[in-house]
Amino acid sequence: MAELKPGARFQSTVCTTEVIVVKGAGEAELTCGGAAMVPAGTGEVAGEPAADAAEGTLLGKRYSDETDTIELLATKAGAGSMAVGGAALAVAQAKTLPASD
């Protein structure tokens, strides 16, 4: 389990993906490529992403869960796709601003 608090940084153990937590609170099972993510700078890349978790992570994109309670910013791209508690994270959509006229 990983402590998801804003500013925390994590890295994948099966690809080059690195993220920073933008929004989130509490402990959650954060995975990338089917393997648990570890705090940045504490692990080495070993192995490959699982076939069902190899959609990739894009640099500079924000990823969130369906309920929008967790948001991660990808600081390094990688071959693995991220999930929290077994639920895949999707690229967050830009929020529309109200018309100003």
PDB file of N, CA and C in Angstrom:
ATOM      1  N   MET A   1       0.841  -1.188   0.000  1.00  0.00           N
ATOM      2  CA  MET A   1       0.000   0.000   0.000  1.00  0.00           C
ATOM      3  C   MET A   1       0.882   1.247   0.000  1.00  0.00           C
ATOM      4  N   ALA A   2       0.414   2.240  -0.732  1.00  0.00           N
ATOM      5  CA  ALA A   2       1.148   3.497  -0.833  1.00  0.00           C
ATOM      6  C   ALA A   2       0.332   4.611  -0.186  1.00  0.00           C
ATOM      7  N   GLU A   3       1.010   5.508   0.511  1.00  0.00           N
ATOM      8  CA  GLU A   3       0.367   6.665   1.129  1.00  0.00           C
ATOM      9  C   GLU A   3       0.258   7.750   0.061  1.00  0.00           C
ATOM     10  N   LEU A   4      -0.964   7.972  -0.433  1.00  0.00           N
ATOM     11  CA  LEU A   4      -1.183   8.965  -1.491  1.00  0.00           C
ATOM     12  C   LEU A   4      -1.517  10.310  -0.877  1.00  0.00           C
ATOM     13  N   LYS A   5      -0.516  11.193  -0.862  1.00  0.00           N
ATOM     14  CA  LYS A   5      -0.734  12.556  -0.380  1.00  0.00           C
ATOM     15  C   LYS A   5      -0.125  13.496  -1.411  1.00  0.00           C
ATOM     16  N   PRO A   6      -0.717  14.661  -1.619  1.00  0.00           N
ATOM     17  CA  PRO A   6      -0.196  15.590  -2.632  1.00  0.00           C
ATOM     18  C   PRO A   6       1.298  15.846  -2.459  1.00  0.00           C
ATOM     19  N   GLY A   7       2.011  15.753  -3.578  1.00  0.00           N
ATOM     20  CA  GLY A   7       3.453  15.975  -3.573  1.00  0.00           C
ATOM     21  C   GLY A   7       4.275  14.701  -3.507  1.00  0.00           C
ATOM     22  N   ALA A   8       3.655  13.578  -3.117  1.00  0.00           N
ATOM     23  CA  ALA A   8       4.386  12.316  -3.042  1.00  0.00           C
ATOM     24  C   ALA A   8       4.744  11.849  -4.453  1.00  0.00           C
ATOM     25  N   ARG A   9       5.941  11.286  -4.611  1.00  0.00           N
ATOM     26  CA  ARG A   9       6.415  10.825  -5.922  1.00  0.00           C
ATOM     27  C   ARG A   9       6.582   9.310  -5.889  1.00  0.00           C
ATOM     28  N   PHE A  10       6.174   8.662  -6.986  1.00  0.00           N
ATOM     29  CA  PHE A  10       6.279   7.211  -7.089  1.00  0.00           C
ATOM     30  C   PHE A  10       6.854   6.829  -8.437  1.00  0.00           C
ATOM     31  N   GLN A  11       7.481   5.646  -8.491  1.00  0.00           N
ATOM     32  CA  GLN A  11       8.030   5.129  -9.728  1.00  0.00           C
ATOM     33  C   GLN A  11       7.612   3.675  -9.893  1.00  0.00           C
ATOM     34  N   SER A  12       7.539   3.265 -11.150  1.00  0.00           N
ATOM     35  CA  SER A  12       7.204   1.882 -11.477  1.00  0.00           C
ATOM     36  C   SER A  12       8.426   1.007 -11.285  1.00  0.00           C
ATOM     37  N   THR A  13       8.185  -0.274 -11.013  1.00  0.00           N
ATOM     38  CA  THR A  13       9.288  -1.224 -10.893  1.00  0.00           C
ATOM     39  C   THR A  13       9.424  -2.087 -12.150  1.00  0.00           C
ATOM     40  N   VAL A  14       8.531  -1.873 -13.156  1.00  0.00           N
ATOM     41  CA  VAL A  14       8.587  -2.669 -14.379  1.00  0.00           C
ATOM     42  C   VAL A  14       8.721  -1.830 -15.649  1.00  0.00           C
ATOM     43  N   CYS A  15       8.748  -0.514 -15.519  1.00  0.00           N
ATOM     44  CA  CYS A  15       8.960   0.366 -16.673  1.00  0.00           C
ATOM     45  C   CYS A  15       9.497   1.713 -16.168  1.00  0.00           C
ATOM     46  N   THR A  16       9.607   2.686 -17.047  1.00  0.00           N
ATOM     47  CA  THR A  16      10.208   3.969 -16.678  1.00  0.00           C
ATOM     48  C   THR A  16       9.218   4.986 -16.127  1.00  0.00           C
ATOM     49  N   THR A  17       7.966   4.622 -15.944  1.00  0.00           N
ATOM     50  CA  THR A  17       6.936   5.552 -15.468  1.00  0.00           C
ATOM     51  C   THR A  17       7.258   6.114 -14.086  1.00  0.00           C
ATOM     52  N   GLU A  18       7.126   7.438 -13.953  1.00  0.00           N
ATOM     53  CA  GLU A  18       7.228   8.120 -12.668  1.00  0.00           C
ATOM     54  C   GLU A  18       6.076   9.107 -12.580  1.00  0.00           C
ATOM     55  N   VAL A  19       5.485   9.246 -11.393  1.00  0.00           N
ATOM     56  CA  VAL A  19       4.346  10.142 -11.200  1.00  0.00           C
ATOM     57  C   VAL A  19       4.490  10.939  -9.911  1.00  0.00           C
ATOM     58  N   ILE A  20       3.733  12.014  -9.831  1.00  0.00           N
ATOM     59  CA  ILE A  20       3.613  12.793  -8.609  1.00  0.00           C
ATOM     60  C   ILE A  20       2.122  12.884  -8.293  1.00  0.00           C
ATOM     61  N   VAL A  21       1.780  12.763  -7.024  1.00  0.00           N
ATOM     62  CA  VAL A  21       0.376  12.818  -6.618  1.00  0.00           C
ATOM     63  C   VAL A  21      -0.080  14.274  -6.588  1.00  0.00           C
ATOM     64  N   VAL A  22      -1.157  14.570  -7.321  1.00  0.00           N
ATOM     65  CA  VAL A  22      -1.742  15.904  -7.346  1.00  0.00           C
ATOM     66  C   VAL A  22      -2.892  15.969  -6.346  1.00  0.00           C
ATOM     67  N   LYS A  23      -3.712  14.916  -6.338  1.00  0.00           N
ATOM     68  CA  LYS A  23      -4.846  14.867  -5.428  1.00  0.00           C
ATOM     69  C   LYS A  23      -4.999  13.440  -4.930  1.00  0.00           C
ATOM     70  N   GLY A  24      -5.220  13.291  -3.650  1.00  0.00           N
ATOM     71  CA  GLY A  24      -5.405  11.977  -3.056  1.00  0.00           C
ATOM     72  C   GLY A  24      -5.126  12.033  -1.577  1.00  0.00           C
ATOM     73  N   ALA A  25      -5.722  11.131  -0.855  1.00  0.00           N
ATOM     74  CA  ALA A  25      -5.509  11.078   0.590  1.00  0.00           C
ATOM     75  C   ALA A  25      -5.692   9.641   1.052  1.00  0.00           C
ATOM     76  N   GLY A  26      -4.812   9.218   1.930  1.00  0.00           N
ATOM     77  CA  GLY A  26      -4.928   7.882   2.481  1.00  0.00           C
ATOM     78  C   GLY A  26      -4.100   6.865   1.724  1.00  0.00           C
ATOM     79  N   GLU A  27      -4.220   5.624   2.174  1.00  0.00           N
ATOM     80  CA  GLU A  27      -3.459   4.546   1.576  1.00  0.00           C
ATOM     81  C   GLU A  27      -4.260   3.889   0.464  1.00  0.00           C
ATOM     82  N   ALA A  28      -3.553   3.486  -0.577  1.00  0.00           N
ATOM     83  CA  ALA A  28      -4.183   2.812  -1.700  1.00  0.00           C
ATOM     84  C   ALA A  28      -3.154   1.906  -2.358  1.00  0.00           C
ATOM     85  N   GLU A  29      -3.644   0.921  -3.087  1.00  0.00           N
ATOM     86  CA  GLU A  29      -2.776   0.008  -3.816  1.00  0.00           C
ATOM     87  C   GLU A  29      -2.527   0.595  -5.200  1.00  0.00           C
ATOM     88  N   LEU A  30      -1.399   1.262  -5.375  1.00  0.00           N
ATOM     89  CA  LEU A  30      -1.030   1.933  -6.618  1.00  0.00           C
ATOM     90  C   LEU A  30      -0.120   1.011  -7.417  1.00  0.00           C
ATOM     91  N   THR A  31      -0.535   0.683  -8.650  1.00  0.00           N
ATOM     92  CA  THR A  31       0.246  -0.212  -9.490  1.00  0.00           C
ATOM     93  C   THR A  31       0.499   0.410 -10.861  1.00  0.00           C
ATOM     94  N   CYS A  32       1.544  -0.063 -11.507  1.00  0.00           N
ATOM     95  CA  CYS A  32       1.856   0.334 -12.879  1.00  0.00           C
ATOM     96  C   CYS A  32       2.402  -0.897 -13.581  1.00  0.00           C
ATOM     97  N   GLY A  33       1.816  -1.249 -14.698  1.00  0.00           N
ATOM     98  CA  GLY A  33       2.248  -2.443 -15.415  1.00  0.00           C
ATOM     99  C   GLY A  33       1.956  -3.725 -14.660  1.00  0.00           C
ATOM    100  N   GLY A  34       1.016  -3.668 -13.718  1.00  0.00           N
ATOM    101  CA  GLY A  34       0.641  -4.841 -12.940  1.00  0.00           C
ATOM    102  C   GLY A  34       1.468  -5.060 -11.684  1.00  0.00           C
ATOM    103  N   ALA A  35       2.464  -4.206 -11.441  1.00  0.00           N
ATOM    104  CA  ALA A  35       3.323  -4.333 -10.258  1.00  0.00           C
ATOM    105  C   ALA A  35       3.183  -3.089  -9.386  1.00  0.00           C
ATOM    106  N   ALA A  36       3.364  -3.262  -8.094  1.00  0.00           N
ATOM    107  CA  ALA A  36       3.244  -2.148  -7.161  1.00  0.00           C
ATOM    108  C   ALA A  36       4.269  -1.063  -7.455  1.00  0.00           C
ATOM    109  N   MET A  37       3.831   0.201  -7.345  1.00  0.00           N
ATOM    110  CA  MET A  37       4.756   1.330  -7.494  1.00  0.00           C
ATOM    111  C   MET A  37       5.412   1.592  -6.144  1.00  0.00           C
ATOM    112  N   VAL A  38       6.633   2.115  -6.177  1.00  0.00           N
ATOM    113  CA  VAL A  38       7.399   2.385  -4.962  1.00  0.00           C
ATOM    114  C   VAL A  38       7.751   3.869  -4.915  1.00  0.00           C
ATOM    115  N   PRO A  39       8.079   4.395  -3.732  1.00  0.00           N
ATOM    116  CA  PRO A  39       8.501   5.801  -3.658  1.00  0.00           C
ATOM    117  C   PRO A  39       9.678   6.047  -4.608  1.00  0.00           C
ATOM    118  N   ALA A  40       9.669   7.191  -5.277  1.00  0.00           N
ATOM    119  CA  ALA A  40      10.700   7.524  -6.267  1.00  0.00           C
ATOM    120  C   ALA A  40      12.092   7.438  -5.662  1.00  0.00           C
ATOM    121  N   GLY A  41      12.998   6.841  -6.397  1.00  0.00           N
ATOM    122  CA  GLY A  41      14.381   6.731  -5.968  1.00  0.00           C
ATOM    123  C   GLY A  41      14.680   5.535  -5.088  1.00  0.00           C
ATOM    124  N   THR A  42      13.685   4.672  -4.840  1.00  0.00           N
ATOM    125  CA  THR A  42      13.919   3.542  -3.940  1.00  0.00           C
ATOM    126  C   THR A  42      13.901   2.192  -4.630  1.00  0.00           C
ATOM    127  N   GLY A  43      13.617   2.165  -5.921  1.00  0.00           N
ATOM    128  CA  GLY A  43      13.527   0.873  -6.601  1.00  0.00           C
ATOM    129  C   GLY A  43      14.247   0.883  -7.932  1.00  0.00           C
ATOM    130  N   GLU A  44      14.409  -0.320  -8.477  1.00  0.00           N
ATOM    131  CA  GLU A  44      15.033  -0.483  -9.782  1.00  0.00           C
ATOM    132  C   GLU A  44      14.016  -1.085 -10.738  1.00  0.00           C
ATOM    133  N   VAL A  45      14.189  -0.793 -12.025  1.00  0.00           N
ATOM    134  CA  VAL A  45      13.320  -1.374 -13.033  1.00  0.00           C
ATOM    135  C   VAL A  45      13.796  -2.798 -13.297  1.00  0.00           C
ATOM    136  N   ALA A  46      12.887  -3.752 -13.096  1.00  0.00           N
ATOM    137  CA  ALA A  46      13.204  -5.156 -13.324  1.00  0.00           C
ATOM    138  C   ALA A  46      11.964  -5.839 -13.885  1.00  0.00           C
ATOM    139  N   GLY A  47      12.088  -6.459 -15.018  1.00  0.00           N
ATOM    140  CA  GLY A  47      10.961  -7.145 -15.621  1.00  0.00           C
ATOM    141  C   GLY A  47      10.260  -6.278 -16.646  1.00  0.00           C
ATOM    142  N   GLU A  48       9.071  -6.717 -17.023  1.00  0.00           N
ATOM    143  CA  GLU A  48       8.273  -6.020 -18.020  1.00  0.00           C
ATOM    144  C   GLU A  48       6.845  -5.886 -17.522  1.00  0.00           C
ATOM    145  N   PRO A  49       6.102  -4.899 -18.055  1.00  0.00           N
ATOM    146  CA  PRO A  49       4.694  -4.761 -17.663  1.00  0.00           C
ATOM    147  C   PRO A  49       3.892  -5.997 -18.072  1.00  0.00           C
ATOM    148  N   ALA A  50       2.888  -6.336 -17.283  1.00  0.00           N
ATOM    149  CA  ALA A  50       1.988  -7.440 -17.618  1.00  0.00           C
ATOM    150  C   ALA A  50       1.236  -7.087 -18.897  1.00  0.00           C
ATOM    151  N   ALA A  51       0.888  -8.086 -19.687  1.00  0.00           N
ATOM    152  CA  ALA A  51       0.221  -7.864 -20.976  1.00  0.00           C
ATOM    153  C   ALA A  51      -1.082  -7.096 -20.830  1.00  0.00           C
ATOM    154  N   ASP A  52      -1.826  -7.322 -19.754  1.00  0.00           N
ATOM    155  CA  ASP A  52      -3.111  -6.634 -19.561  1.00  0.00           C
ATOM    156  C   ASP A  52      -2.947  -5.251 -18.934  1.00  0.00           C
ATOM    157  N   ALA A  53      -1.718  -4.827 -18.661  1.00  0.00           N
ATOM    158  CA  ALA A  53      -1.462  -3.511 -18.070  1.00  0.00           C
ATOM    159  C   ALA A  53      -0.327  -2.813 -18.802  1.00  0.00           C
ATOM    160  N   ALA A  54      -0.333  -2.928 -20.138  1.00  0.00           N
ATOM    161  CA  ALA A  54       0.766  -2.362 -20.927  1.00  0.00           C
ATOM    162  C   ALA A  54       0.266  -1.362 -21.965  1.00  0.00           C
ATOM    163  N   GLU A  55      -0.694  -0.536 -21.583  1.00  0.00           N
ATOM    164  CA  GLU A  55      -1.207   0.474 -22.510  1.00  0.00           C
ATOM    165  C   GLU A  55      -0.328   1.716 -22.540  1.00  0.00           C
ATOM    166  N   GLY A  56       0.523   1.871 -21.563  1.00  0.00           N
ATOM    167  CA  GLY A  56       1.451   2.984 -21.535  1.00  0.00           C
ATOM    168  C   GLY A  56       0.964   4.179 -20.732  1.00  0.00           C
ATOM    169  N   THR A  57       1.921   4.998 -20.323  1.00  0.00           N
ATOM    170  CA  THR A  57       1.667   6.231 -19.585  1.00  0.00           C
ATOM    171  C   THR A  57       2.324   7.357 -20.370  1.00  0.00           C
ATOM    172  N   LEU A  58       1.592   8.451 -20.562  1.00  0.00           N
ATOM    173  CA  LEU A  58       2.079   9.571 -21.365  1.00  0.00           C
ATOM    174  C   LEU A  58       2.656  10.678 -20.489  1.00  0.00           C
ATOM    175  N   LEU A  59       3.786  11.229 -20.888  1.00  0.00           N
ATOM    176  CA  LEU A  59       4.455  12.306 -20.167  1.00  0.00           C
ATOM    177  C   LEU A  59       3.573  13.551 -20.096  1.00  0.00           C
ATOM    178  N   GLY A  60       3.455  14.130 -18.917  1.00  0.00           N
ATOM    179  CA  GLY A  60       2.729  15.380 -18.743  1.00  0.00           C
ATOM    180  C   GLY A  60       1.228  15.256 -18.644  1.00  0.00           C
ATOM    181  N   LYS A  61       0.687  14.051 -18.732  1.00  0.00           N
ATOM    182  CA  LYS A  61      -0.761  13.852 -18.647  1.00  0.00           C
ATOM    183  C   LYS A  61      -1.155  13.567 -17.198  1.00  0.00           C
ATOM    184  N   ARG A  62      -2.368  13.999 -16.870  1.00  0.00           N
ATOM    185  CA  ARG A  62      -2.927  13.710 -15.546  1.00  0.00           C
ATOM    186  C   ARG A  62      -3.830  12.496 -15.656  1.00  0.00           C
ATOM    187  N   TYR A  63      -3.717  11.611 -14.680  1.00  0.00           N
ATOM    188  CA  TYR A  63      -4.515  10.394 -14.644  1.00  0.00           C
ATOM    189  C   TYR A  63      -5.369  10.413 -13.386  1.00  0.00           C
ATOM    190  N   SER A  64      -6.638  10.021 -13.524  1.00  0.00           N
ATOM    191  CA  SER A  64      -7.531  10.020 -12.368  1.00  0.00           C
ATOM    192  C   SER A  64      -8.412   8.782 -12.385  1.00  0.00           C
ATOM    193  N   ASP A  65      -9.003   8.493 -11.221  1.00  0.00           N
ATOM    194  CA  ASP A  65      -9.932   7.378 -11.126  1.00  0.00           C
ATOM    195  C   ASP A  65     -11.330   7.848 -11.509  1.00  0.00           C
ATOM    196  N   GLU A  66     -12.292   6.919 -11.565  1.00  0.00           N
ATOM    197  CA  GLU A  66     -13.648   7.251 -11.994  1.00  0.00           C
ATOM    198  C   GLU A  66     -14.341   8.243 -11.071  1.00  0.00           C
ATOM    199  N   THR A  67     -14.041   8.197  -9.778  1.00  0.00           N
ATOM    200  CA  THR A  67     -14.695   9.084  -8.818  1.00  0.00           C
ATOM    201  C   THR A  67     -13.977  10.414  -8.661  1.00  0.00           C
ATOM    202  N   ASP A  68     -12.855  10.582  -9.365  1.00  0.00           N
ATOM    203  CA  ASP A  68     -12.063  11.812  -9.338  1.00  0.00           C
ATOM    204  C   ASP A  68     -11.546  12.149  -7.935  1.00  0.00           C
ATOM    205  N   THR A  69     -11.218  11.110  -7.159  1.00  0.00           N
ATOM    206  CA  THR A  69     -10.666  11.332  -5.823  1.00  0.00           C
ATOM    207  C   THR A  69      -9.147  11.239  -5.812  1.00  0.00           C
ATOM    208  N   ILE A  70      -8.584  10.622  -6.861  1.00  0.00           N
ATOM    209  CA  ILE A  70      -7.133  10.481  -6.979  1.00  0.00           C
ATOM    210  C   ILE A  70      -6.713  11.045  -8.320  1.00  0.00           C
ATOM    211  N   GLU A  71      -5.663  11.867  -8.310  1.00  0.00           N
ATOM    212  CA  GLU A  71      -5.132  12.417  -9.562  1.00  0.00           C
ATOM    213  C   GLU A  71      -3.618  12.370  -9.505  1.00  0.00           C
ATOM    214  N   LEU A  72      -3.012  11.802 -10.550  1.00  0.00           N
ATOM    215  CA  LEU A  72      -1.572  11.662 -10.646  1.00  0.00           C
ATOM    216  C   LEU A  72      -1.084  12.367 -11.897  1.00  0.00           C
ATOM    217  N   LEU A  73       0.079  12.991 -11.828  1.00  0.00           N
ATOM    218  CA  LEU A  73       0.701  13.645 -12.972  1.00  0.00           C
ATOM    219  C   LEU A  73       1.924  12.835 -13.373  1.00  0.00           C
ATOM    220  N   ALA A  74       1.973  12.394 -14.635  1.00  0.00           N
ATOM    221  CA  ALA A  74       3.100  11.600 -15.120  1.00  0.00           C
ATOM    222  C   ALA A  74       4.292  12.514 -15.388  1.00  0.00           C
ATOM    223  N   THR A  75       5.393  12.284 -14.682  1.00  0.00           N
ATOM    224  CA  THR A  75       6.600  13.073 -14.872  1.00  0.00           C
ATOM    225  C   THR A  75       7.614  12.356 -15.750  1.00  0.00           C
ATOM    226  N   LYS A  76       7.397  11.064 -15.994  1.00  0.00           N
ATOM    227  CA  LYS A  76       8.190  10.268 -16.932  1.00  0.00           C
ATOM    228  C   LYS A  76       7.248   9.269 -17.578  1.00  0.00           C
ATOM    229  N   ALA A  77       7.336   9.164 -18.893  1.00  0.00           N
ATOM    230  CA  ALA A  77       6.496   8.216 -19.627  1.00  0.00           C
ATOM    231  C   ALA A  77       7.027   6.800 -19.452  1.00  0.00           C
ATOM    232  N   GLY A  78       6.140   5.819 -19.698  1.00  0.00           N
ATOM    233  CA  GLY A  78       6.556   4.430 -19.605  1.00  0.00           C
ATOM    234  C   GLY A  78       5.591   3.513 -20.329  1.00  0.00           C
ATOM    235  N   ALA A  79       5.932   2.240 -20.388  1.00  0.00           N
ATOM    236  CA  ALA A  79       5.144   1.257 -21.122  1.00  0.00           C
ATOM    237  C   ALA A  79       3.970   0.713 -20.323  1.00  0.00           C
ATOM    238  N   GLY A  80       4.001   0.839 -18.999  1.00  0.00           N
ATOM    239  CA  GLY A  80       2.930   0.288 -18.161  1.00  0.00           C
ATOM    240  C   GLY A  80       1.780   1.254 -17.989  1.00  0.00           C
ATOM    241  N   SER A  81       0.592   0.708 -17.726  1.00  0.00           N
ATOM    242  CA  SER A  81      -0.566   1.548 -17.418  1.00  0.00           C
ATOM    243  C   SER A  81      -0.835   1.460 -15.918  1.00  0.00           C
ATOM    244  N   MET A  82      -1.361   2.548 -15.352  1.00  0.00           N
ATOM    245  CA  MET A  82      -1.538   2.639 -13.906  1.00  0.00           C
ATOM    246  C   MET A  82      -2.937   2.228 -13.461  1.00  0.00           C
ATOM    247  N   ALA A  83      -3.007   1.772 -12.216  1.00  0.00           N
ATOM    248  CA  ALA A  83      -4.277   1.390 -11.610  1.00  0.00           C
ATOM    249  C   ALA A  83      -4.204   1.649 -10.109  1.00  0.00           C
ATOM    250  N   VAL A  84      -5.363   1.881  -9.508  1.00  0.00           N
ATOM    251  CA  VAL A  84      -5.464   2.036  -8.054  1.00  0.00           C
ATOM    252  C   VAL A  84      -6.499   1.035  -7.575  1.00  0.00           C
ATOM    253  N   GLY A  85      -6.081   0.146  -6.686  1.00  0.00           N
ATOM    254  CA  GLY A  85      -6.994  -0.858  -6.176  1.00  0.00           C
ATOM    255  C   GLY A  85      -7.568  -1.755  -7.256  1.00  0.00           C
ATOM    256  N   GLY A  86      -6.801  -1.992  -8.320  1.00  0.00           N
ATOM    257  CA  GLY A  86      -7.245  -2.849  -9.401  1.00  0.00           C
ATOM    258  C   GLY A  86      -8.055  -2.146 -10.478  1.00  0.00           C
ATOM    259  N   ALA A  87      -8.451  -0.897 -10.245  1.00  0.00           N
ATOM    260  CA  ALA A  87      -9.224  -0.125 -11.234  1.00  0.00           C
ATOM    261  C   ALA A  87      -8.266   0.755 -12.033  1.00  0.00           C
ATOM    262  N   ALA A  88      -8.318   0.622 -13.350  1.00  0.00           N
ATOM    263  CA  ALA A  88      -7.416   1.373 -14.219  1.00  0.00           C
ATOM    264  C   ALA A  88      -7.665   2.872 -14.124  1.00  0.00           C
ATOM    265  N   LEU A  89      -6.581   3.636 -14.181  1.00  0.00           N
ATOM    266  CA  LEU A  89      -6.675   5.097 -14.204  1.00  0.00           C
ATOM    267  C   LEU A  89      -6.708   5.556 -15.658  1.00  0.00           C
ATOM    268  N   ALA A  90      -7.514   6.564 -15.939  1.00  0.00           N
ATOM    269  CA  ALA A  90      -7.645   7.091 -17.297  1.00  0.00           C
ATOM    270  C   ALA A  90      -7.096   8.505 -17.344  1.00  0.00           C
ATOM    271  N   VAL A  91      -6.740   8.949 -18.555  1.00  0.00           N
ATOM    272  CA  VAL A  91      -6.271  10.319 -18.736  1.00  0.00           C
ATOM    273  C   VAL A  91      -7.409  11.254 -18.343  1.00  0.00           C
ATOM    274  N   ALA A  92      -7.124  12.202 -17.455  1.00  0.00           N
ATOM    275  CA  ALA A  92      -8.137  13.144 -16.983  1.00  0.00           C
ATOM    276  C   ALA A  92      -8.488  14.117 -18.108  1.00  0.00           C
ATOM    277  N   GLN A  93      -9.756  14.390 -18.253  1.00  0.00           N
ATOM    278  CA  GLN A  93     -10.223  15.321 -19.270  1.00  0.00           C
ATOM    279  C   GLN A  93     -10.166  16.751 -18.731  1.00  0.00           C
ATOM    280  N   ALA A  94      -9.894  17.679 -19.618  1.00  0.00           N
ATOM    281  CA  ALA A  94      -9.848  19.089 -19.219  1.00  0.00           C
ATOM    282  C   ALA A  94     -11.230  19.549 -18.797  1.00  0.00           C
ATOM    283  N   LYS A  95     -11.291  20.338 -17.758  1.00  0.00           N
ATOM    284  CA  LYS A  95     -12.570  20.855 -17.281  1.00  0.00           C
ATOM    285  C   LYS A  95     -12.937  22.112 -18.092  1.00  0.00           C
ATOM    286  N   THR A  96     -14.180  22.180 -18.495  1.00  0.00           N
ATOM    287  CA  THR A  96     -14.613  23.339 -19.272  1.00  0.00           C
ATOM    288  C   THR A  96     -14.881  24.511 -18.338  1.00  0.00           C
ATOM    289  N   LEU A  97     -14.520  25.685 -18.796  1.00  0.00           N
ATOM    290  CA  LEU A  97     -14.734  26.897 -18.023  1.00  0.00           C
ATOM    291  C   LEU A  97     -16.030  27.545 -18.482  1.00  0.00           C
ATOM    292  N   PRO A  98     -16.712  28.267 -17.620  1.00  0.00           N
ATOM    293  CA  PRO A  98     -17.940  28.935 -18.026  1.00  0.00           C
ATOM    294  C   PRO A  98     -17.653  30.048 -19.033  1.00  0.00           C
ATOM    295  N   ALA A  99     -18.629  30.305 -19.866  1.00  0.00           N
ATOM    296  CA  ALA A  99     -18.484  31.373 -20.857  1.00  0.00           C
ATOM    297  C   ALA A  99     -18.343  32.713 -20.152  1.00  0.00           C
ATOM    298  N   SER A 100     -17.527  33.584 -20.720  1.00  0.00           N
ATOM    299  CA  SER A 100     -17.278  34.868 -20.056  1.00  0.00           C
ATOM    300  C   SER A 100     -18.074  36.013 -20.689  1.00  0.00           C
ATOM    301  N   ASP A 101     -18.870  35.715 -21.701  1.00  0.00           N
ATOM    302  CA  ASP A 101     -19.606  36.820 -22.345  1.00  0.00           C
ATOM    303  C   ASP A 101     -21.009  36.951 -21.877  1.00  0.00           C
TER     304      ASP A 101
END
